[in-house]
Amino acid sequence: MPSGLYIAASGMDATVTRQDVIANNLANVSTVGFKQNRAVDIAFPTYLIARLHDQKMKVMDGTAELRPNIGFMGGGVVPQEISTDYSQGSRLDTKNPLDFALTGNGYFFSILSPEGKTLLTRDGSFSLDSNGRLVTQDGLPVLGHNGEIYIDGSKVTADEEGNITVDDKALDQLLVVKVQDENQLYKVGHSLFQATPKNKIDMAPDNIQVQQGFLEQSNVNSIQEMVNMIEVSRSYDLNARIVRSYDIIMNEAATQIGSLQPSGLSLT
């Protein structure tokens, strides 16, 4: 089987994965706190190609190779992983006292999952449930240093360190944490993350910067993603044409090889 067929097929498979990632990014261009993904490919081994059937020269220790190197031939690619870009998104001024945004990479709000696990998010679009509990848009409790946060009052303010005051009375402080390695996080939702056991988390970091009345937007650049989508589409089409060319060549070889006749002979 021609190696070029496998190389082109691997390229098609890799571009399909990239297309899915780009489509998901575009679908979440308006999702608060969303961090875009990137498909990372890894190349198969590259082979050094030499010309065949050249003569060999005899030397005292045996023979010397005279075949010149023609060049390198790649072995194709395969999707290795889907990485996340944690760069900060732009700010939206909402003037909503229950909206919060964080400044700086590695900082996250702490959220309590239904299973009792602590999740992390940059999505600070909070609200109050029927019990006055501060929750996310999915109804998950927002954690403070004293546990879940219940607000009973009309005037809610927060300083840059996340200290919440209700009707001029101190209530709690938003549990903002900092992870040592963002690459050790994995997504459990569009804007929710969970840290691996090996990832060190600072529960009381310095230099916390919380902005009340603002939201961090998605860091997806829709124009750039559309350009990436066009490039992926062209790449897929190119590899598909290579596969079709090999298919035609192999079909002709299979159907015509039986009709070849020895030179100077005729069958009657």
Protein backbone atom coordinates (compact mmCIF):
# COMPACT_ATOMS: atom_id res chain seq x y z
CA MET A 1 0.00 0.00 0.00
CA PRO A 2 1.51 3.40 -0.98
CA SER A 3 2.74 5.32 2.04
CA GLY A 4 1.42 8.56 0.57
CA LEU A 5 -2.11 7.25 0.94
CA TYR A 6 -1.66 6.79 4.68
CA ILE A 7 0.01 10.19 5.03
CA ALA A 8 -2.89 11.94 3.28
CA ALA A 9 -5.45 9.98 5.32
CA SER A 10 -3.73 10.94 8.57
CA GLY A 11 -3.83 14.57 7.46
CA MET A 12 -7.59 14.30 6.88
CA ASP A 13 -8.10 12.81 10.33
CA ALA A 14 -6.04 15.57 11.98
CA THR A 15 -7.93 18.33 10.15
CA VAL A 16 -11.28 16.88 11.24
CA THR A 17 -10.14 17.12 14.88
CA ARG A 18 -8.96 20.71 14.35
CA GLN A 19 -12.26 21.59 12.69
CA ASP A 20 -14.22 20.25 15.67
CA VAL A 21 -12.11 22.31 18.08
CA ILE A 22 -12.51 25.49 16.02
CA ALA A 23 -16.27 24.95 15.73
CA ASN A 24 -16.51 24.60 19.52
CA ASN A 25 -14.52 27.82 19.97
CA LEU A 26 -16.84 29.70 17.62
CA ALA A 27 -19.90 28.30 19.40
CA ASN A 28 -18.60 29.76 22.68
CA VAL A 29 -17.45 33.14 21.42
CA SER A 30 -20.08 34.78 23.65
CA THR A 31 -19.68 32.43 26.65
CA VAL A 32 -18.47 34.37 29.69
CA GLY A 33 -15.11 33.16 30.98
CA PHE A 34 -14.65 30.63 28.16
CA LYS A 35 -11.06 29.67 27.30
CA GLN A 36 -10.42 28.60 23.73
CA ASN A 37 -8.91 25.24 22.82
CA ARG A 38 -6.21 24.30 20.36
CA ALA A 39 -5.61 20.95 18.67
CA VAL A 40 -1.98 19.88 18.89
CA ASP A 41 -0.69 17.38 16.31
CA ILE A 42 2.38 15.18 16.50
CA ALA A 43 4.28 13.97 13.44
CA PHE A 44 5.06 10.34 12.74
CA PRO A 45 8.76 9.53 12.24
CA THR A 46 10.46 11.10 9.20
CA TYR A 47 12.46 8.78 6.97
CA LEU A 48 15.67 9.51 5.08
CA ILE A 49 15.26 8.34 1.47
CA ALA A 50 18.23 7.11 -0.55
CA ARG A 51 18.43 6.19 -4.23
CA LEU A 52 18.37 2.44 -4.93
CA HIS A 53 20.47 0.22 -7.22
CA ASP A 54 23.57 2.41 -7.31
CA GLN A 55 26.88 0.54 -7.42
CA LYS A 56 28.89 -0.04 -4.30
CA MET A 57 32.62 0.52 -4.12
CA LYS A 58 34.91 -2.10 -2.63
CA VAL A 59 37.21 -0.91 0.12
CA MET A 60 39.56 -2.66 2.52
CA ASP A 61 36.87 -3.16 5.16
CA GLY A 62 34.22 -4.32 2.75
CA THR A 63 32.05 -2.06 0.59
CA ALA A 64 31.24 1.62 0.70
CA GLU A 65 27.74 2.96 0.18
CA LEU A 66 27.52 5.21 -2.86
CA ARG A 67 23.76 5.69 -2.98
CA PRO A 68 23.09 9.42 -2.54
CA ASN A 69 20.40 10.64 -0.18
CA ILE A 70 17.37 12.00 -2.00
CA GLY A 71 15.70 13.73 0.91
CA PHE A 72 13.29 13.18 3.75
CA MET A 73 9.79 11.71 3.65
CA GLY A 74 7.29 12.41 6.42
CA GLY A 75 5.14 9.75 7.98
CA GLY A 76 1.98 11.81 8.51
CA VAL A 77 0.47 13.34 11.64
CA VAL A 78 -1.85 12.30 14.42
CA PRO A 79 -3.80 14.46 16.94
CA GLN A 80 -1.86 14.42 20.22
CA GLU A 81 -3.96 16.53 22.58
CA ILE A 82 -6.45 19.36 22.91
CA SER A 83 -4.75 22.17 24.82
CA THR A 84 -6.42 25.20 26.41
CA ASP A 85 -5.40 28.82 25.96
CA TYR A 86 -5.80 30.53 29.35
CA SER A 87 -5.02 34.06 28.18
CA GLN A 88 -7.29 36.70 29.64
CA GLY A 89 -10.37 37.83 27.75
CA SER A 90 -11.66 41.36 27.37
CA ARG A 91 -13.79 43.06 30.04
CA LEU A 92 -17.48 43.91 29.80
CA ASP A 93 -18.88 46.62 32.05
CA THR A 94 -22.28 45.34 33.24
CA LYS A 95 -22.70 47.47 36.39
CA ASN A 96 -24.39 44.43 37.92
CA PRO A 97 -23.29 44.17 41.60
CA LEU A 98 -23.31 40.35 41.36
CA ASP A 99 -20.95 40.26 38.37
CA PHE A 100 -17.25 39.85 39.11
CA ALA A 101 -14.11 39.67 36.98
CA LEU A 102 -10.58 38.61 37.87
CA THR A 103 -7.34 40.17 36.68
CA GLY A 104 -4.25 38.07 36.07
CA ASN A 105 -3.60 34.53 34.88
CA GLY A 106 -3.94 31.59 37.24
CA TYR A 107 -6.68 33.12 39.44
CA PHE A 108 -10.08 31.44 39.68
CA PHE A 109 -13.34 31.63 41.62
CA SER A 110 -14.17 28.52 43.66
CA ILE A 111 -17.44 26.71 42.92
CA LEU A 112 -19.04 23.76 44.72
CA SER A 113 -20.13 20.90 42.44
CA PRO A 114 -23.22 18.73 43.17
CA GLU A 115 -20.80 15.95 44.19
CA GLY A 116 -19.17 18.22 46.77
CA LYS A 117 -15.99 18.80 44.76
CA THR A 118 -14.39 22.21 44.34
CA LEU A 119 -14.43 23.46 40.76
CA LEU A 120 -12.76 26.55 39.35
CA THR A 121 -14.07 29.19 36.98
CA ARG A 122 -13.35 32.60 35.50
CA ASP A 123 -17.05 33.14 34.86
CA GLY A 124 -18.16 35.62 37.51
CA SER A 125 -21.75 36.10 36.30
CA PHE A 126 -23.36 35.19 39.62
CA SER A 127 -26.92 35.54 40.88
CA LEU A 128 -29.04 34.64 43.90
CA ASP A 129 -31.22 31.55 44.16
CA SER A 130 -34.53 31.40 46.01
CA ASN A 131 -32.69 31.00 49.33
CA GLY A 132 -30.49 34.06 48.79
CA ARG A 133 -27.44 31.90 48.06
CA LEU A 134 -24.84 33.23 45.61
CA VAL A 135 -24.75 30.81 42.68
CA THR A 136 -23.47 30.50 39.11
CA GLN A 137 -25.75 30.60 36.07
CA ASP A 138 -25.99 26.80 36.39
CA GLY A 139 -27.12 27.07 40.01
CA LEU A 140 -23.84 25.90 41.57
CA PRO A 141 -22.92 27.57 44.90
CA VAL A 142 -20.13 30.13 44.92
CA LEU A 143 -17.70 29.54 47.77
CA GLY A 144 -16.32 32.05 50.23
CA HIS A 145 -13.71 31.49 52.92
CA ASN A 146 -16.55 30.55 55.29
CA GLY A 147 -18.34 28.22 52.89
CA GLU A 148 -21.40 28.99 50.76
CA ILE A 149 -22.33 32.67 50.57
CA TYR A 150 -25.85 33.78 51.54
CA ILE A 151 -26.84 37.38 50.89
CA ASP A 152 -29.71 38.96 52.79
CA GLY A 153 -29.78 42.63 51.93
CA SER A 154 -30.11 45.12 49.13
CA LYS A 155 -26.70 46.79 48.81
CA VAL A 156 -23.89 44.43 47.84
CA THR A 157 -20.33 45.72 47.42
CA ALA A 158 -16.98 44.01 47.00
CA ASP A 159 -13.44 45.35 47.15
CA GLU A 160 -10.46 44.30 45.03
CA GLU A 161 -9.66 41.43 47.39
CA GLY A 162 -13.15 39.99 47.07
CA ASN A 163 -14.40 41.05 50.51
CA ILE A 164 -18.19 41.23 50.28
CA THR A 165 -20.17 43.76 52.25
CA VAL A 166 -23.98 43.69 52.45
CA ASP A 167 -25.72 46.85 53.64
CA ASP A 168 -22.38 48.12 54.97
CA LYS A 169 -21.82 44.95 57.04
CA ALA A 170 -18.91 42.58 56.31
CA LEU A 171 -20.19 39.22 55.15
CA ASP A 172 -17.44 37.02 53.68
CA GLN A 173 -14.62 36.98 51.14
CA LEU A 174 -14.86 35.30 47.77
CA LEU A 175 -12.65 32.22 47.74
CA VAL A 176 -10.28 33.19 44.94
CA VAL A 177 -7.46 30.68 44.44
CA LYS A 178 -4.38 30.56 42.26
CA VAL A 179 -3.22 27.40 40.53
CA GLN A 180 0.47 26.75 40.05
CA ASP A 181 0.14 25.21 36.59
CA GLU A 182 -2.88 25.98 34.42
CA ASN A 183 -1.88 23.19 32.06
CA GLN A 184 -2.72 20.74 34.84
CA LEU A 185 -6.38 21.79 34.73
CA TYR A 186 -9.02 20.02 32.68
CA LYS A 187 -12.42 21.22 31.59
CA VAL A 188 -15.60 19.86 33.16
CA GLY A 189 -17.87 22.33 31.39
CA HIS A 190 -17.69 25.32 29.09
CA SER A 191 -16.27 27.57 31.82
CA LEU A 192 -15.56 25.16 34.67
CA PHE A 193 -12.23 23.52 35.44
CA GLN A 194 -10.94 20.94 37.88
CA ALA A 195 -7.37 20.65 39.08
CA THR A 196 -5.42 17.39 39.05
CA PRO A 197 -4.20 16.08 42.43
CA LYS A 198 -0.61 17.07 41.56
CA ASN A 199 -1.51 20.69 40.83
CA LYS A 200 -0.64 22.97 43.72
CA ILE A 201 -3.39 25.44 44.63
CA ASP A 202 -2.82 28.54 46.72
CA MET A 203 -6.00 29.08 48.74
CA ALA A 204 -4.93 32.56 49.93
CA PRO A 205 -2.89 34.12 47.12
CA ASP A 206 -1.52 37.62 47.12
CA ASN A 207 -2.35 40.36 44.61
CA ILE A 208 -5.98 39.33 44.11
CA GLN A 209 -7.76 41.80 41.85
CA VAL A 210 -11.54 41.46 41.78
CA GLN A 211 -13.62 43.94 39.77
CA GLN A 212 -17.27 44.21 40.74
CA GLY A 213 -19.72 45.02 37.97
CA PHE A 214 -17.51 43.55 35.23
CA LEU A 215 -17.36 40.22 33.38
CA GLU A 216 -14.47 38.56 31.61
CA GLN A 217 -15.49 37.71 28.07
CA SER A 218 -14.43 34.67 26.05
CA ASN A 219 -10.86 34.89 24.76
CA VAL A 220 -11.92 33.56 21.34
CA ASN A 221 -11.08 35.82 18.41
CA SER A 222 -13.94 35.06 16.02
CA ILE A 223 -12.17 36.54 12.97
CA GLN A 224 -9.02 34.50 13.57
CA GLU A 225 -11.08 31.36 14.13
CA MET A 226 -12.90 31.88 10.83
CA VAL A 227 -9.51 32.19 9.10
CA ASN A 228 -8.40 28.99 10.84
CA MET A 229 -11.57 27.26 9.69
CA ILE A 230 -10.88 28.21 6.05
CA GLU A 231 -7.30 26.94 6.32
CA VAL A 232 -8.47 23.64 7.81
CA SER A 233 -11.09 23.22 5.09
CA ARG A 234 -8.50 23.76 2.36
CA SER A 235 -6.10 21.36 4.03
CA TYR A 236 -8.77 18.68 4.25
CA ASP A 237 -9.72 19.16 0.59
CA LEU A 238 -6.08 18.90 -0.49
CA ASN A 239 -5.54 15.65 1.40
CA ALA A 240 -8.82 14.28 0.07
CA ARG A 241 -7.70 14.96 -3.51
CA ILE A 242 -4.45 13.09 -2.83
CA VAL A 243 -6.42 10.11 -1.54
CA ARG A 244 -8.66 10.18 -4.63
CA SER A 245 -5.59 10.32 -6.89
CA TYR A 246 -4.09 7.28 -5.22
CA ASP A 247 -7.43 5.50 -5.49
CA ILE A 248 -7.54 6.12 -9.26
CA ILE A 249 -3.93 5.00 -9.74
CA MET A 250 -4.40 1.85 -7.68
CA ASN A 251 -7.66 1.03 -9.47
CA GLU A 252 -6.00 1.40 -12.88
CA ALA A 253 -3.08 -0.75 -11.77
CA ALA A 254 -5.40 -3.47 -10.49
CA THR A 255 -7.60 -3.54 -13.60
CA GLN A 256 -4.92 -3.14 -16.28
CA ILE A 257 -2.05 -5.23 -14.97
CA GLY A 258 -3.78 -8.40 -16.13
CA SER A 259 -4.03 -7.09 -19.68
CA LEU A 260 -0.28 -6.48 -20.12
CA GLN A 261 1.29 -8.68 -22.80
CA PRO A 262 4.95 -9.70 -23.26
CA SER A 263 6.77 -7.66 -25.89
CA GLY A 264 6.68 -9.22 -29.38
CA LEU A 265 4.00 -11.76 -28.49
CA SER A 266 0.37 -11.74 -29.41
CA LEU A 267 -2.42 -13.90 -28.17
CA THR A 268 -4.70 -15.31 -30.87
